[in-house]
């Protein structure tokens, strides 16, 4: 019986599951942030590519 009590006490002290949940929450937050930021980044990069293409197209050999 005491062995079961020790196992239960060790189970209550084990924080590895909490750490995994914390990492999962961090990954989810980063994912949401990327979903929010990437459309704006795509528009900005497209503007840069258009400017570079326009600049290269107007160069006289």
PDB file of N, CA and C in Angstrom:
ATOM      1  N   UNK A   1       0.823  -1.201   0.000  1.00  0.00           N
ATOM      2  CA  UNK A   1       0.000   0.000   0.000  1.00  0.00           C
ATOM      3  C   UNK A   1       0.861   1.256   0.000  1.00  0.00           C
ATOM      4  N   UNK A   2       1.949   1.211   0.744  1.00  0.00           N
ATOM      5  CA  UNK A   2       2.812   2.394   0.819  1.00  0.00           C
ATOM      6  C   UNK A   2       3.475   2.671  -0.530  1.00  0.00           C
ATOM      7  N   UNK A   3       3.747   1.620  -1.294  1.00  0.00           N
ATOM      8  CA  UNK A   3       4.340   1.787  -2.614  1.00  0.00           C
ATOM      9  C   UNK A   3       3.395   2.575  -3.526  1.00  0.00           C
ATOM     10  N   UNK A   4       2.093   2.309  -3.419  1.00  0.00           N
ATOM     11  CA  UNK A   4       1.111   3.036  -4.213  1.00  0.00           C
ATOM     12  C   UNK A   4       1.049   4.496  -3.789  1.00  0.00           C
ATOM     13  N   UNK A   5       1.190   4.759  -2.516  1.00  0.00           N
ATOM     14  CA  UNK A   5       1.180   6.132  -2.011  1.00  0.00           C
ATOM     15  C   UNK A   5       2.393   6.877  -2.553  1.00  0.00           C
ATOM     16  N   UNK A   6       3.559   6.214  -2.576  1.00  0.00           N
ATOM     17  CA  UNK A   6       4.763   6.842  -3.106  1.00  0.00           C
ATOM     18  C   UNK A   6       4.621   7.138  -4.593  1.00  0.00           C
ATOM     19  N   UNK A   7       4.029   6.208  -5.325  1.00  0.00           N
ATOM     20  CA  UNK A   7       3.814   6.434  -6.755  1.00  0.00           C
ATOM     21  C   UNK A   7       2.884   7.614  -6.978  1.00  0.00           C
ATOM     22  N   UNK A   8       1.830   7.697  -6.179  1.00  0.00           N
ATOM     23  CA  UNK A   8       0.884   8.802  -6.307  1.00  0.00           C
ATOM     24  C   UNK A   8       1.553  10.127  -5.962  1.00  0.00           C
ATOM     25  N   UNK A   9       2.377  10.138  -4.932  1.00  0.00           N
ATOM     26  CA  UNK A   9       3.088  11.357  -4.543  1.00  0.00           C
ATOM     27  C   UNK A   9       4.039  11.793  -5.654  1.00  0.00           C
ATOM     28  N   UNK A  10       4.753  10.850  -6.266  1.00  0.00           N
ATOM     29  CA  UNK A  10       5.639  11.187  -7.379  1.00  0.00           C
ATOM     30  C   UNK A  10       4.848  11.708  -8.570  1.00  0.00           C
ATOM     31  N   UNK A  11       3.676  11.129  -8.804  1.00  0.00           N
ATOM     32  CA  UNK A  11       2.827  11.590  -9.905  1.00  0.00           C
ATOM     33  C   UNK A  11       2.403  13.045  -9.682  1.00  0.00           C
ATOM     34  N   UNK A  12       2.050  13.394  -8.463  1.00  0.00           N
ATOM     35  CA  UNK A  12       1.632  14.763  -8.171  1.00  0.00           C
ATOM     36  C   UNK A  12       2.773  15.760  -8.312  1.00  0.00           C
ATOM     37  N   UNK A  13       3.996  15.322  -8.028  1.00  0.00           N
ATOM     38  CA  UNK A  13       5.157  16.210  -8.129  1.00  0.00           C
ATOM     39  C   UNK A  13       5.689  16.332  -9.554  1.00  0.00           C
ATOM     40  N   UNK A  14       5.315  15.406 -10.428  1.00  0.00           N
ATOM     41  CA  UNK A  14       5.832  15.388 -11.800  1.00  0.00           C
ATOM     42  C   UNK A  14       5.259  16.576 -12.570  1.00  0.00           C
ATOM     43  N   UNK A  15       6.136  17.397 -13.122  1.00  0.00           N
ATOM     44  CA  UNK A  15       5.697  18.574 -13.873  1.00  0.00           C
ATOM     45  C   UNK A  15       5.995  18.453 -15.364  1.00  0.00           C
ATOM     46  N   UNK A  16       6.373  17.299 -15.845  1.00  0.00           N
ATOM     47  CA  UNK A  16       6.717  17.156 -17.265  1.00  0.00           C
ATOM     48  C   UNK A  16       5.500  17.373 -18.152  1.00  0.00           C
ATOM     49  N   UNK A  17       4.337  16.967 -17.719  1.00  0.00           N
ATOM     50  CA  UNK A  17       3.127  17.208 -18.503  1.00  0.00           C
ATOM     51  C   UNK A  17       2.805  18.685 -18.593  1.00  0.00           C
ATOM     52  N   UNK A  18       3.004  19.408 -17.508  1.00  0.00           N
ATOM     53  CA  UNK A  18       2.762  20.853 -17.506  1.00  0.00           C
ATOM     54  C   UNK A  18       3.724  21.550 -18.464  1.00  0.00           C
ATOM     55  N   UNK A  19       4.958  21.074 -18.506  1.00  0.00           N
ATOM     56  CA  UNK A  19       5.928  21.663 -19.421  1.00  0.00           C
ATOM     57  C   UNK A  19       5.508  21.436 -20.860  1.00  0.00           C
ATOM     58  N   UNK A  20       5.029  20.257 -21.183  1.00  0.00           N
ATOM     59  CA  UNK A  20       4.574  19.969 -22.545  1.00  0.00           C
ATOM     60  C   UNK A  20       3.394  20.860 -22.924  1.00  0.00           C
ATOM     61  N   UNK A  21       2.485  21.071 -21.990  1.00  0.00           N
ATOM     62  CA  UNK A  21       1.339  21.944 -22.255  1.00  0.00           C
ATOM     63  C   UNK A  21       1.812  23.378 -22.474  1.00  0.00           C
ATOM     64  N   UNK A  22       2.778  23.831 -21.700  1.00  0.00           N
ATOM     65  CA  UNK A  22       3.307  25.184 -21.876  1.00  0.00           C
ATOM     66  C   UNK A  22       3.942  25.342 -23.246  1.00  0.00           C
ATOM     67  N   UNK A  23       4.720  24.349 -23.681  1.00  0.00           N
ATOM     68  CA  UNK A  23       5.318  24.414 -25.010  1.00  0.00           C
ATOM     69  C   UNK A  23       4.241  24.414 -26.088  1.00  0.00           C
ATOM     70  N   UNK A  24       3.192  23.666 -25.881  1.00  0.00           N
ATOM     71  CA  UNK A  24       2.086  23.651 -26.831  1.00  0.00           C
ATOM     72  C   UNK A  24       1.404  25.009 -26.934  1.00  0.00           C
ATOM     73  N   UNK A  25       1.215  25.661 -25.801  1.00  0.00           N
ATOM     74  CA  UNK A  25       0.607  26.995 -25.802  1.00  0.00           C
ATOM     75  C   UNK A  25       1.511  28.007 -26.490  1.00  0.00           C
ATOM     76  N   UNK A  26       2.817  27.913 -26.269  1.00  0.00           N
ATOM     77  CA  UNK A  26       3.753  28.821 -26.929  1.00  0.00           C
ATOM     78  C   UNK A  26       3.710  28.605 -28.441  1.00  0.00           C
ATOM     79  N   UNK A  27       3.701  27.344 -28.878  1.00  0.00           N
ATOM     80  CA  UNK A  27       3.638  27.043 -30.314  1.00  0.00           C
ATOM     81  C   UNK A  27       2.336  27.575 -30.924  1.00  0.00           C
ATOM     82  N   UNK A  28       1.234  27.434 -30.210  1.00  0.00           N
ATOM     83  CA  UNK A  28      -0.049  27.943 -30.713  1.00  0.00           C
ATOM     84  C   UNK A  28      -0.025  29.464 -30.820  1.00  0.00           C
ATOM     85  N   UNK A  29       0.568  30.141 -29.847  1.00  0.00           N
ATOM     86  CA  UNK A  29       0.660  31.603 -29.889  1.00  0.00           C
ATOM     87  C   UNK A  29       1.516  32.058 -31.066  1.00  0.00           C
ATOM     88  N   UNK A  30       2.627  31.375 -31.304  1.00  0.00           N
ATOM     89  CA  UNK A  30       3.481  31.732 -32.435  1.00  0.00           C
ATOM     90  C   UNK A  30       2.733  31.496 -33.747  1.00  0.00           C
ATOM     91  N   UNK A  31       1.990  30.403 -33.830  1.00  0.00           N
ATOM     92  CA  UNK A  31       1.207  30.123 -35.027  1.00  0.00           C
ATOM     93  C   UNK A  31       0.165  31.196 -35.303  1.00  0.00           C
ATOM     94  N   UNK A  32      -0.536  31.618 -34.271  1.00  0.00           N
ATOM     95  CA  UNK A  32      -1.537  32.680 -34.448  1.00  0.00           C
ATOM     96  C   UNK A  32      -0.884  33.988 -34.862  1.00  0.00           C
ATOM     97  N   UNK A  33       0.279  34.271 -34.291  1.00  0.00           N
ATOM     98  CA  UNK A  33       0.989  35.493 -34.643  1.00  0.00           C
ATOM     99  C   UNK A  33       1.409  35.459 -36.124  1.00  0.00           C
ATOM    100  N   UNK A  34       1.880  34.297 -36.588  1.00  0.00           N
ATOM    101  CA  UNK A  34       2.271  34.176 -37.990  1.00  0.00           C
ATOM    102  C   UNK A  34       1.078  34.352 -38.917  1.00  0.00           C
ATOM    103  N   UNK A  35      -0.059  33.789 -38.539  1.00  0.00           N
ATOM    104  CA  UNK A  35      -1.260  33.934 -39.357  1.00  0.00           C
ATOM    105  C   UNK A  35      -1.667  35.401 -39.448  1.00  0.00           C
ATOM    106  N   UNK A  36      -1.463  36.154 -38.383  1.00  0.00           N
ATOM    107  CA  UNK A  36      -1.831  37.564 -38.387  1.00  0.00           C
ATOM    108  C   UNK A  36      -0.828  38.422 -39.155  1.00  0.00           C
ATOM    109  N   UNK A  37       0.452  38.060 -39.142  1.00  0.00           N
ATOM    110  CA  UNK A  37       1.496  38.909 -39.706  1.00  0.00           C
ATOM    111  C   UNK A  37       1.779  38.602 -41.176  1.00  0.00           C
ATOM    112  N   UNK A  38       1.704  37.351 -41.578  1.00  0.00           N
ATOM    113  CA  UNK A  38       2.127  36.974 -42.924  1.00  0.00           C
ATOM    114  C   UNK A  38       1.373  37.675 -44.059  1.00  0.00           C
ATOM    115  N   UNK A  39       0.080  37.901 -43.983  1.00  0.00           N
ATOM    116  CA  UNK A  39      -0.568  38.633 -45.096  1.00  0.00           C
ATOM    117  C   UNK A  39       0.021  40.030 -45.298  1.00  0.00           C
ATOM    118  N   UNK A  40       0.301  40.746 -44.221  1.00  0.00           N
ATOM    119  CA  UNK A  40       0.897  42.077 -44.344  1.00  0.00           C
ATOM    120  C   UNK A  40       2.318  41.990 -44.879  1.00  0.00           C
ATOM    121  N   UNK A  41       3.056  40.983 -44.463  1.00  0.00           N
ATOM    122  CA  UNK A  41       4.413  40.795 -44.951  1.00  0.00           C
ATOM    123  C   UNK A  41       4.403  40.466 -46.441  1.00  0.00           C
ATOM    124  N   UNK A  42       3.442  39.669 -46.881  1.00  0.00           N
ATOM    125  CA  UNK A  42       3.335  39.335 -48.300  1.00  0.00           C
ATOM    126  C   UNK A  42       3.105  40.584 -49.134  1.00  0.00           C
ATOM    127  N   UNK A  43       2.236  41.458 -48.665  1.00  0.00           N
ATOM    128  CA  UNK A  43       1.948  42.700 -49.394  1.00  0.00           C
ATOM    129  C   UNK A  43       3.199  43.570 -49.457  1.00  0.00           C
ATOM    130  N   UNK A  44       3.916  43.696 -48.356  1.00  0.00           N
ATOM    131  CA  UNK A  44       5.123  44.517 -48.333  1.00  0.00           C
ATOM    132  C   UNK A  44       6.193  43.947 -49.263  1.00  0.00           C
ATOM    133  N   UNK A  45       6.377  42.624 -49.232  1.00  0.00           N
ATOM    134  CA  UNK A  45       7.370  42.017 -50.127  1.00  0.00           C
ATOM    135  C   UNK A  45       6.966  42.156 -51.588  1.00  0.00           C
ATOM    136  N   UNK A  46       5.703  42.054 -51.873  1.00  0.00           N
ATOM    137  CA  UNK A  46       5.241  42.233 -53.245  1.00  0.00           C
ATOM    138  C   UNK A  46       5.557  43.645 -53.722  1.00  0.00           C
ATOM    139  N   UNK A  47       5.363  44.642 -52.879  1.00  0.00           N
ATOM    140  CA  UNK A  47       5.685  46.021 -53.238  1.00  0.00           C
ATOM    141  C   UNK A  47       7.174  46.175 -53.533  1.00  0.00           C
ATOM    142  N   UNK A  48       8.019  45.509 -52.749  1.00  0.00           N
ATOM    143  CA  UNK A  48       9.467  45.569 -52.980  1.00  0.00           C
ATOM    144  C   UNK A  48       9.812  44.932 -54.320  1.00  0.00           C
ATOM    145  N   UNK A  49       9.246  43.772 -54.610  1.00  0.00           N
ATOM    146  CA  UNK A  49       9.532  43.098 -55.875  1.00  0.00           C
ATOM    147  C   UNK A  49       9.058  43.922 -57.070  1.00  0.00           C
ATOM    148  N   UNK A  50       7.911  44.563 -56.943  1.00  0.00           N
ATOM    149  CA  UNK A  50       7.409  45.413 -58.026  1.00  0.00           C
ATOM    150  C   UNK A  50       8.359  46.589 -58.235  1.00  0.00           C
ATOM    151  N   UNK A  51       8.840  47.197 -57.160  1.00  0.00           N
ATOM    152  CA  UNK A  51       9.759  48.328 -57.273  1.00  0.00           C
ATOM    153  C   UNK A  51      11.073  47.900 -57.918  1.00  0.00           C
ATOM    154  N   UNK A  52      11.585  46.741 -57.529  1.00  0.00           N
ATOM    155  CA  UNK A  52      12.827  46.255 -58.119  1.00  0.00           C
ATOM    156  C   UNK A  52      12.636  45.921 -59.585  1.00  0.00           C
ATOM    157  N   UNK A  53      11.532  45.273 -59.923  1.00  0.00           N
ATOM    158  CA  UNK A  53      11.246  44.932 -61.318  1.00  0.00           C
ATOM    159  C   UNK A  53      11.105  46.185 -62.166  1.00  0.00           C
ATOM    160  N   UNK A  54      10.435  47.176 -61.639  1.00  0.00           N
ATOM    161  CA  UNK A  54      10.260  48.438 -62.363  1.00  0.00           C
ATOM    162  C   UNK A  54      11.613  49.130 -62.547  1.00  0.00           C
ATOM    163  N   UNK A  55      12.420  49.127 -61.493  1.00  0.00           N
ATOM    164  CA  UNK A  55      13.747  49.760 -61.595  1.00  0.00           C
ATOM    165  C   UNK A  55      14.646  49.054 -62.583  1.00  0.00           C
ATOM    166  N   UNK A  56      14.617  47.722 -62.595  1.00  0.00           N
ATOM    167  CA  UNK A  56      15.459  46.970 -63.522  1.00  0.00           C
ATOM    168  C   UNK A  56      14.950  47.149 -64.947  1.00  0.00           C
ATOM    169  N   UNK A  57      13.647  47.248 -65.115  1.00  0.00           N
ATOM    170  CA  UNK A  57      13.074  47.400 -66.441  1.00  0.00           C
ATOM    171  C   UNK A  57      13.368  48.747 -67.077  1.00  0.00           C
ATOM    172  N   UNK A  58      13.657  49.762 -66.301  1.00  0.00           N
ATOM    173  CA  UNK A  58      13.904  51.090 -66.829  1.00  0.00           C
ATOM    174  C   UNK A  58      15.386  51.381 -67.046  1.00  0.00           C
ATOM    175  N   UNK A  59      16.263  50.435 -66.740  1.00  0.00           N
ATOM    176  CA  UNK A  59      17.693  50.651 -66.920  1.00  0.00           C
ATOM    177  C   UNK A  59      18.030  50.565 -68.408  1.00  0.00           C
ATOM    178  N   UNK A  60      18.795  51.549 -68.885  1.00  0.00           N
ATOM    179  CA  UNK A  60      19.215  51.578 -70.267  1.00  0.00           C
ATOM    180  C   UNK A  60      20.565  50.892 -70.409  1.00  0.00           C
ATOM    181  N   UNK A  61      20.710  49.961 -71.358  1.00  0.00           N
ATOM    182  CA  UNK A  61      22.015  49.312 -71.541  1.00  0.00           C
ATOM    183  C   UNK A  61      23.056  50.230 -72.150  1.00  0.00           C
TER     184      UNK A  61
END
